[in-house]
Amino acid sequence: MLDRWTIPLTQAPLIRLADWLYRRGVGADRVTLAGFAIGLLALPLLAMQWYLPALIVILLNRLADGLDGALARLGETTSDAGGFLDIGLDFVFYGAVVFGFALADPARNALAAALLLFAFIGTGSSFLAFAIMANRHQLQRPRFPRKAFYYLHGLTEGTETILAFLLFCLFPDLFPYLATAFAVACLITTATRLWGGYHTLVQADHTPPSCRG
């Protein structure tokens, strides 16, 4: 929901940093892999209840996630392979963070973590399933032209996820309540994406390709 406002605000500094890396021969896929490796450190850090160090590596991972796309665009062509790697590793990272909180205090956190992972399956599957069909119908991405996939918006997007992880780390004792609330928001996102995606594709099925935009 907030990505439409936060993405334009973050582009200028990301482009400057990406340009600095690009001129030194750093590729987008290398940043994706490095960011993922850093982000996975959150799992053992959270399991040991080192919440502030975990938050730092989570934020570094999200920085890398923004940088790899900016680097790919500087290369003049956006790689489908790079986009696939980026989104695939993102979902693994999201799951690792939630699992880390479950390990930190299984008695208190496991049920809420399981609910949030269940909700993540809904948001992720609806996101990717629609992206496949949107590509088949050659639908454009007018609201998120910088995304490698067709980005079907919802109540919880990238910005909301970062904010949720931030709150989880800053207030770990409240994780069961915060995670449950975020899971409910994710389930609402899943429902709206399924409804919106279905009706968008029904309309696309009856629209000539030359009329799509």
C-alpha atoms as a PDB file:
ATOM      1  CA  MET A   1       0.000   0.000   0.000  1.00  0.00           C
ATOM      2  CA  LEU A   2       2.859   2.389   0.832  1.00  0.00           C
ATOM      3  CA  ASP A   3       5.226   1.329  -1.962  1.00  0.00           C
ATOM      4  CA  ARG A   4       3.744   3.827  -4.410  1.00  0.00           C
ATOM      5  CA  TRP A   5       5.042   6.634  -2.157  1.00  0.00           C
ATOM      6  CA  THR A   6       8.226   5.133  -0.706  1.00  0.00           C
ATOM      7  CA  ILE A   7       9.692   3.826  -3.972  1.00  0.00           C
ATOM      8  CA  PRO A   8       9.956   7.284  -5.624  1.00  0.00           C
ATOM      9  CA  LEU A   9      11.520   8.711  -2.440  1.00  0.00           C
ATOM     10  CA  THR A  10      14.252   6.067  -2.295  1.00  0.00           C
ATOM     11  CA  GLN A  11      15.174   6.047  -5.984  1.00  0.00           C
ATOM     12  CA  ALA A  12      17.553   9.034  -6.025  1.00  0.00           C
ATOM     13  CA  PRO A  13      19.947   7.799  -3.286  1.00  0.00           C
ATOM     14  CA  LEU A  14      19.752   4.231  -4.588  1.00  0.00           C
ATOM     15  CA  ILE A  15      20.635   5.349  -8.108  1.00  0.00           C
ATOM     16  CA  ARG A  16      23.653   7.318  -6.845  1.00  0.00           C
ATOM     17  CA  LEU A  17      24.959   4.340  -4.877  1.00  0.00           C
ATOM     18  CA  ALA A  18      24.181   1.951  -7.727  1.00  0.00           C
ATOM     19  CA  ASP A  19      26.045   4.201 -10.171  1.00  0.00           C
ATOM     20  CA  TRP A  20      29.089   4.149  -7.857  1.00  0.00           C
ATOM     21  CA  LEU A  21      29.002   0.335  -7.764  1.00  0.00           C
ATOM     22  CA  TYR A  22      28.326   0.038 -11.500  1.00  0.00           C
ATOM     23  CA  ARG A  23      31.415   2.083 -12.374  1.00  0.00           C
ATOM     24  CA  ARG A  24      33.446  -0.355 -10.298  1.00  0.00           C
ATOM     25  CA  GLY A  25      32.136  -3.370 -12.155  1.00  0.00           C
ATOM     26  CA  VAL A  26      29.750  -4.687  -9.502  1.00  0.00           C
ATOM     27  CA  GLY A  27      26.847  -6.544 -11.094  1.00  0.00           C
ATOM     28  CA  ALA A  28      23.236  -6.722  -9.953  1.00  0.00           C
ATOM     29  CA  ASP A  29      23.228 -10.488  -9.365  1.00  0.00           C
ATOM     30  CA  ARG A  30      26.299 -10.212  -7.144  1.00  0.00           C
ATOM     31  CA  VAL A  31      24.499  -7.651  -4.980  1.00  0.00           C
ATOM     32  CA  THR A  32      21.405  -9.890  -4.850  1.00  0.00           C
ATOM     33  CA  LEU A  33      23.437 -12.864  -3.623  1.00  0.00           C
ATOM     34  CA  ALA A  34      25.474 -10.797  -1.156  1.00  0.00           C
ATOM     35  CA  GLY A  35      22.329  -9.216   0.247  1.00  0.00           C
ATOM     36  CA  PHE A  36      20.709 -12.616   0.646  1.00  0.00           C
ATOM     37  CA  ALA A  37      23.754 -14.032   2.450  1.00  0.00           C
ATOM     38  CA  ILE A  38      23.761 -11.049   4.818  1.00  0.00           C
ATOM     39  CA  GLY A  39      20.013 -11.308   5.356  1.00  0.00           C
ATOM     40  CA  LEU A  40      20.196 -15.000   6.290  1.00  0.00           C
ATOM     41  CA  LEU A  41      22.370 -14.030   9.255  1.00  0.00           C
ATOM     42  CA  ALA A  42      19.160 -12.706  10.790  1.00  0.00           C
ATOM     43  CA  LEU A  43      17.989 -16.269  11.435  1.00  0.00           C
ATOM     44  CA  PRO A  44      20.729 -17.285  13.918  1.00  0.00           C
ATOM     45  CA  LEU A  45      20.861 -13.767  15.381  1.00  0.00           C
ATOM     46  CA  LEU A  46      17.130 -13.842  16.085  1.00  0.00           C
ATOM     47  CA  ALA A  47      17.330 -17.381  17.430  1.00  0.00           C
ATOM     48  CA  MET A  48      19.932 -16.123  19.942  1.00  0.00           C
ATOM     49  CA  GLN A  49      17.679 -13.120  20.704  1.00  0.00           C
ATOM     50  CA  TRP A  50      20.231 -10.622  19.394  1.00  0.00           C
ATOM     51  CA  TYR A  51      17.520  -8.409  18.019  1.00  0.00           C
ATOM     52  CA  LEU A  52      19.392  -5.199  17.202  1.00  0.00           C
ATOM     53  CA  PRO A  53      22.173  -6.956  15.220  1.00  0.00           C
ATOM     54  CA  ALA A  54      19.400  -8.895  13.465  1.00  0.00           C
ATOM     55  CA  LEU A  55      17.681  -5.639  12.598  1.00  0.00           C
ATOM     56  CA  ILE A  56      20.910  -4.285  11.091  1.00  0.00           C
ATOM     57  CA  VAL A  57      21.338  -7.269   8.760  1.00  0.00           C
ATOM     58  CA  ILE A  58      17.636  -7.125   7.836  1.00  0.00           C
ATOM     59  CA  LEU A  59      18.023  -3.477   6.820  1.00  0.00           C
ATOM     60  CA  LEU A  60      21.220  -4.261   4.886  1.00  0.00           C
ATOM     61  CA  ASN A  61      19.351  -6.990   3.032  1.00  0.00           C
ATOM     62  CA  ARG A  62      16.583  -4.554   2.106  1.00  0.00           C
ATOM     63  CA  LEU A  63      19.187  -2.021   0.944  1.00  0.00           C
ATOM     64  CA  ALA A  64      20.717  -4.652  -1.312  1.00  0.00           C
ATOM     65  CA  ASP A  65      17.242  -5.511  -2.600  1.00  0.00           C
ATOM     66  CA  GLY A  66      16.799  -1.947  -3.778  1.00  0.00           C
ATOM     67  CA  LEU A  67      20.335  -1.671  -5.137  1.00  0.00           C
ATOM     68  CA  ASP A  68      20.234  -4.752  -7.348  1.00  0.00           C
ATOM     69  CA  GLY A  69      17.282  -3.414  -9.327  1.00  0.00           C
ATOM     70  CA  ALA A  70      18.926  -0.013  -9.756  1.00  0.00           C
ATOM     71  CA  LEU A  71      22.117  -1.717 -10.931  1.00  0.00           C
ATOM     72  CA  ALA A  72      20.191  -3.866 -13.410  1.00  0.00           C
ATOM     73  CA  ARG A  73      18.595  -0.762 -14.936  1.00  0.00           C
ATOM     74  CA  LEU A  74      21.987   0.920 -15.297  1.00  0.00           C
ATOM     75  CA  GLY A  75      22.972  -2.036 -17.449  1.00  0.00           C
ATOM     76  CA  GLU A  76      20.220  -0.909 -19.886  1.00  0.00           C
ATOM     77  CA  THR A  77      18.506  -4.308 -19.872  1.00  0.00           C
ATOM     78  CA  THR A  78      16.601  -5.931 -17.016  1.00  0.00           C
ATOM     79  CA  SER A  79      17.524  -9.613 -16.752  1.00  0.00           C
ATOM     80  CA  ASP A  80      14.646 -12.053 -16.333  1.00  0.00           C
ATOM     81  CA  ALA A  81      17.095 -14.396 -14.617  1.00  0.00           C
ATOM     82  CA  GLY A  82      18.089 -11.622 -12.211  1.00  0.00           C
ATOM     83  CA  GLY A  83      14.464 -10.746 -11.500  1.00  0.00           C
ATOM     84  CA  PHE A  84      13.684 -14.400 -10.808  1.00  0.00           C
ATOM     85  CA  LEU A  85      16.674 -14.726  -8.467  1.00  0.00           C
ATOM     86  CA  ASP A  86      15.737 -11.522  -6.653  1.00  0.00           C
ATOM     87  CA  ILE A  87      12.113 -12.398  -5.938  1.00  0.00           C
ATOM     88  CA  GLY A  88      12.874 -16.039  -5.114  1.00  0.00           C
ATOM     89  CA  LEU A  89      15.533 -15.150  -2.544  1.00  0.00           C
ATOM     90  CA  ASP A  90      13.306 -12.423  -1.108  1.00  0.00           C
ATOM     91  CA  PHE A  91      10.654 -14.947  -0.139  1.00  0.00           C
ATOM     92  CA  VAL A  92      13.233 -17.269   1.404  1.00  0.00           C
ATOM     93  CA  PHE A  93      14.584 -14.323   3.400  1.00  0.00           C
ATOM     94  CA  TYR A  94      11.109 -13.333   4.637  1.00  0.00           C
ATOM     95  CA  GLY A  95      10.491 -16.879   5.827  1.00  0.00           C
ATOM     96  CA  ALA A  96      13.893 -17.034   7.540  1.00  0.00           C
ATOM     97  CA  VAL A  97      13.152 -13.906   9.578  1.00  0.00           C
ATOM     98  CA  VAL A  98       9.833 -15.283  10.807  1.00  0.00           C
ATOM     99  CA  PHE A  99      11.412 -18.672  11.570  1.00  0.00           C
ATOM    100  CA  GLY A 100      14.126 -16.886  13.545  1.00  0.00           C
ATOM    101  CA  PHE A 101      11.516 -15.375  15.847  1.00  0.00           C
ATOM    102  CA  ALA A 102       9.916 -18.792  16.299  1.00  0.00           C
ATOM    103  CA  LEU A 103      13.283 -20.199  17.383  1.00  0.00           C
ATOM    104  CA  ALA A 104      13.906 -17.253  19.731  1.00  0.00           C
ATOM    105  CA  ASP A 105      10.998 -18.256  21.970  1.00  0.00           C
ATOM    106  CA  PRO A 106       9.078 -21.274  20.652  1.00  0.00           C
ATOM    107  CA  ALA A 107       6.568 -21.323  23.498  1.00  0.00           C
ATOM    108  CA  ARG A 108       5.480 -17.714  22.910  1.00  0.00           C
ATOM    109  CA  ASN A 109       6.221 -17.145  19.244  1.00  0.00           C
ATOM    110  CA  ALA A 110       5.758 -20.386  17.325  1.00  0.00           C
ATOM    111  CA  LEU A 111       1.995 -20.181  16.784  1.00  0.00           C
ATOM    112  CA  ALA A 112       2.065 -16.561  15.612  1.00  0.00           C
ATOM    113  CA  ALA A 113       5.072 -17.325  13.396  1.00  0.00           C
ATOM    114  CA  ALA A 114       3.225 -20.271  11.836  1.00  0.00           C
ATOM    115  CA  LEU A 115       0.204 -18.051  11.159  1.00  0.00           C
ATOM    116  CA  LEU A 116       2.399 -15.401   9.551  1.00  0.00           C
ATOM    117  CA  LEU A 117       4.149 -17.981   7.355  1.00  0.00           C
ATOM    118  CA  PHE A 118       0.710 -19.272   6.320  1.00  0.00           C
ATOM    119  CA  ALA A 119      -0.251 -15.713   5.375  1.00  0.00           C
ATOM    120  CA  PHE A 120       3.024 -15.227   3.484  1.00  0.00           C
ATOM    121  CA  ILE A 121       2.175 -18.272   1.350  1.00  0.00           C
ATOM    122  CA  GLY A 122      -1.030 -16.510   0.326  1.00  0.00           C
ATOM    123  CA  THR A 123       0.583 -13.171  -0.515  1.00  0.00           C
ATOM    124  CA  GLY A 124       3.496 -14.806  -2.314  1.00  0.00           C
ATOM    125  CA  SER A 125       1.482 -17.295  -4.340  1.00  0.00           C
ATOM    126  CA  SER A 126      -1.132 -14.731  -5.402  1.00  0.00           C
ATOM    127  CA  PHE A 127       1.657 -12.321  -6.360  1.00  0.00           C
ATOM    128  CA  LEU A 128       3.578 -14.848  -8.464  1.00  0.00           C
ATOM    129  CA  ALA A 129       0.560 -16.579  -9.993  1.00  0.00           C
ATOM    130  CA  PHE A 130      -0.781 -13.259 -11.241  1.00  0.00           C
ATOM    131  CA  ALA A 131       2.669 -12.266 -12.551  1.00  0.00           C
ATOM    132  CA  ILE A 132       2.726 -15.408 -14.716  1.00  0.00           C
ATOM    133  CA  MET A 133      -0.711 -14.718 -16.164  1.00  0.00           C
ATOM    134  CA  ALA A 134       0.000 -11.001 -16.614  1.00  0.00           C
ATOM    135  CA  ASN A 135       3.084 -11.850 -18.656  1.00  0.00           C
ATOM    136  CA  ARG A 136       1.065 -14.258 -20.785  1.00  0.00           C
ATOM    137  CA  HIS A 137      -1.474 -11.503 -21.495  1.00  0.00           C
ATOM    138  CA  GLN A 138       1.286  -8.893 -21.998  1.00  0.00           C
ATOM    139  CA  LEU A 139      -0.195  -6.632 -19.335  1.00  0.00           C
ATOM    140  CA  GLN A 140       1.840  -3.570 -18.456  1.00  0.00           C
ATOM    141  CA  ARG A 141       2.941  -2.290 -15.017  1.00  0.00           C
ATOM    142  CA  PRO A 142       1.917   1.381 -15.029  1.00  0.00           C
ATOM    143  CA  ARG A 143       2.083   1.841 -11.245  1.00  0.00           C
ATOM    144  CA  PHE A 144       5.329  -0.062 -10.646  1.00  0.00           C
ATOM    145  CA  PRO A 145       7.329   0.165 -13.891  1.00  0.00           C
ATOM    146  CA  ARG A 146      10.592  -0.583 -12.066  1.00  0.00           C
ATOM    147  CA  LYS A 147       9.509  -4.044 -10.921  1.00  0.00           C
ATOM    148  CA  ALA A 148      10.820  -7.124 -12.743  1.00  0.00           C
ATOM    149  CA  PHE A 149       7.375  -8.734 -12.402  1.00  0.00           C
ATOM    150  CA  TYR A 150       3.869  -7.354 -12.808  1.00  0.00           C
ATOM    151  CA  TYR A 151       3.252  -5.981  -9.320  1.00  0.00           C
ATOM    152  CA  LEU A 152      -0.330  -6.560  -8.168  1.00  0.00           C
ATOM    153  CA  HIS A 153      -0.709  -4.160  -5.253  1.00  0.00           C
ATOM    154  CA  GLY A 154      -2.283  -4.885  -1.879  1.00  0.00           C
ATOM    155  CA  LEU A 155      -2.546  -3.815   1.737  1.00  0.00           C
ATOM    156  CA  THR A 156       0.861  -5.327   2.617  1.00  0.00           C
ATOM    157  CA  GLU A 157       3.753  -4.775   0.226  1.00  0.00           C
ATOM    158  CA  GLY A 158       7.495  -4.336   0.613  1.00  0.00           C
ATOM    159  CA  THR A 159       7.357  -1.204   2.758  1.00  0.00           C
ATOM    160  CA  GLU A 160       4.845  -2.682   5.192  1.00  0.00           C
ATOM    161  CA  THR A 161       6.947  -5.836   5.507  1.00  0.00           C
ATOM    162  CA  ILE A 162      10.068  -3.826   6.368  1.00  0.00           C
ATOM    163  CA  LEU A 163       8.101  -1.844   8.960  1.00  0.00           C
ATOM    164  CA  ALA A 164       6.737  -5.072  10.449  1.00  0.00           C
ATOM    165  CA  PHE A 165      10.232  -6.572  10.745  1.00  0.00           C
ATOM    166  CA  LEU A 166      11.433  -3.318  12.304  1.00  0.00           C
ATOM    167  CA  LEU A 167       8.693  -3.488  14.946  1.00  0.00           C
ATOM    168  CA  PHE A 168       9.361  -7.188  15.566  1.00  0.00           C
ATOM    169  CA  CYS A 169      13.018  -6.449  16.342  1.00  0.00           C
ATOM    170  CA  LEU A 170      12.394  -3.338  18.414  1.00  0.00           C
ATOM    171  CA  PHE A 171       9.587  -4.900  20.455  1.00  0.00           C
ATOM    172  CA  PRO A 172      10.352  -8.649  20.483  1.00  0.00           C
ATOM    173  CA  ASP A 173       8.151  -9.276  23.540  1.00  0.00           C
ATOM    174  CA  LEU A 174       5.180  -8.147  21.460  1.00  0.00           C
ATOM    175  CA  PHE A 175       5.990 -10.448  18.531  1.00  0.00           C
ATOM    176  CA  PRO A 176       2.933 -12.732  18.987  1.00  0.00           C
ATOM    177  CA  TYR A 177       0.576  -9.754  18.794  1.00  0.00           C
ATOM    178  CA  LEU A 178       2.439  -7.854  16.068  1.00  0.00           C
ATOM    179  CA  ALA A 179       2.878 -10.967  13.930  1.00  0.00           C
ATOM    180  CA  THR A 180      -0.784 -11.888  14.294  1.00  0.00           C
ATOM    181  CA  ALA A 181      -1.879  -8.397  13.288  1.00  0.00           C
ATOM    182  CA  PHE A 182       0.465  -8.418  10.290  1.00  0.00           C
ATOM    183  CA  ALA A 183      -0.725 -11.891   9.312  1.00  0.00           C
ATOM    184  CA  VAL A 184      -4.323 -10.647   9.251  1.00  0.00           C
ATOM    185  CA  ALA A 185      -3.243  -7.756   7.002  1.00  0.00           C
ATOM    186  CA  CYS A 186      -1.441 -10.236   4.727  1.00  0.00           C
ATOM    187  CA  LEU A 187      -4.553 -12.409   4.504  1.00  0.00           C
ATOM    188  CA  ILE A 188      -6.588  -9.346   3.517  1.00  0.00           C
ATOM    189  CA  THR A 189      -3.954  -8.646   0.850  1.00  0.00           C
ATOM    190  CA  THR A 190      -4.274 -12.211  -0.423  1.00  0.00           C
ATOM    191  CA  ALA A 191      -8.048 -11.902  -0.669  1.00  0.00           C
ATOM    192  CA  THR A 192      -7.922  -8.559  -2.500  1.00  0.00           C
ATOM    193  CA  ARG A 193      -5.202  -9.797  -4.863  1.00  0.00           C
ATOM    194  CA  LEU A 194      -7.174 -12.914  -5.720  1.00  0.00           C
ATOM    195  CA  TRP A 195     -10.314 -10.863  -6.328  1.00  0.00           C
ATOM    196  CA  GLY A 196      -8.547  -8.110  -8.252  1.00  0.00           C
ATOM    197  CA  GLY A 197      -6.328 -10.478 -10.192  1.00  0.00           C
ATOM    198  CA  TYR A 198      -9.223 -12.700 -11.199  1.00  0.00           C
ATOM    199  CA  HIS A 199     -11.313  -9.808 -12.503  1.00  0.00           C
ATOM    200  CA  THR A 200      -8.308  -8.239 -14.238  1.00  0.00           C
ATOM    201  CA  LEU A 201      -7.609 -11.497 -16.070  1.00  0.00           C
ATOM    202  CA  VAL A 202     -11.284 -12.000 -16.945  1.00  0.00           C
ATOM    203  CA  GLN A 203     -11.203  -8.576 -18.578  1.00  0.00           C
ATOM    204  CA  ALA A 204      -7.885  -9.373 -20.288  1.00  0.00           C
ATOM    205  CA  ASP A 205      -9.368 -12.576 -21.721  1.00  0.00           C
ATOM    206  CA  HIS A 206     -11.921 -10.435 -23.548  1.00  0.00           C
ATOM    207  CA  THR A 207      -9.578  -7.581 -24.565  1.00  0.00           C
ATOM    208  CA  PRO A 208      -7.558  -7.671 -27.802  1.00  0.00           C
ATOM    209  CA  PRO A 209      -3.772  -7.496 -27.154  1.00  0.00           C
ATOM    210  CA  SER A 210      -3.509  -4.230 -29.116  1.00  0.00           C
ATOM    211  CA  CYS A 211      -5.880  -2.523 -26.626  1.00  0.00           C
ATOM    212  CA  ARG A 212      -3.998  -3.490 -23.443  1.00  0.00           C
ATOM    213  CA  GLY A 213      -1.902  -0.974 -21.533  1.00  0.00           C
END
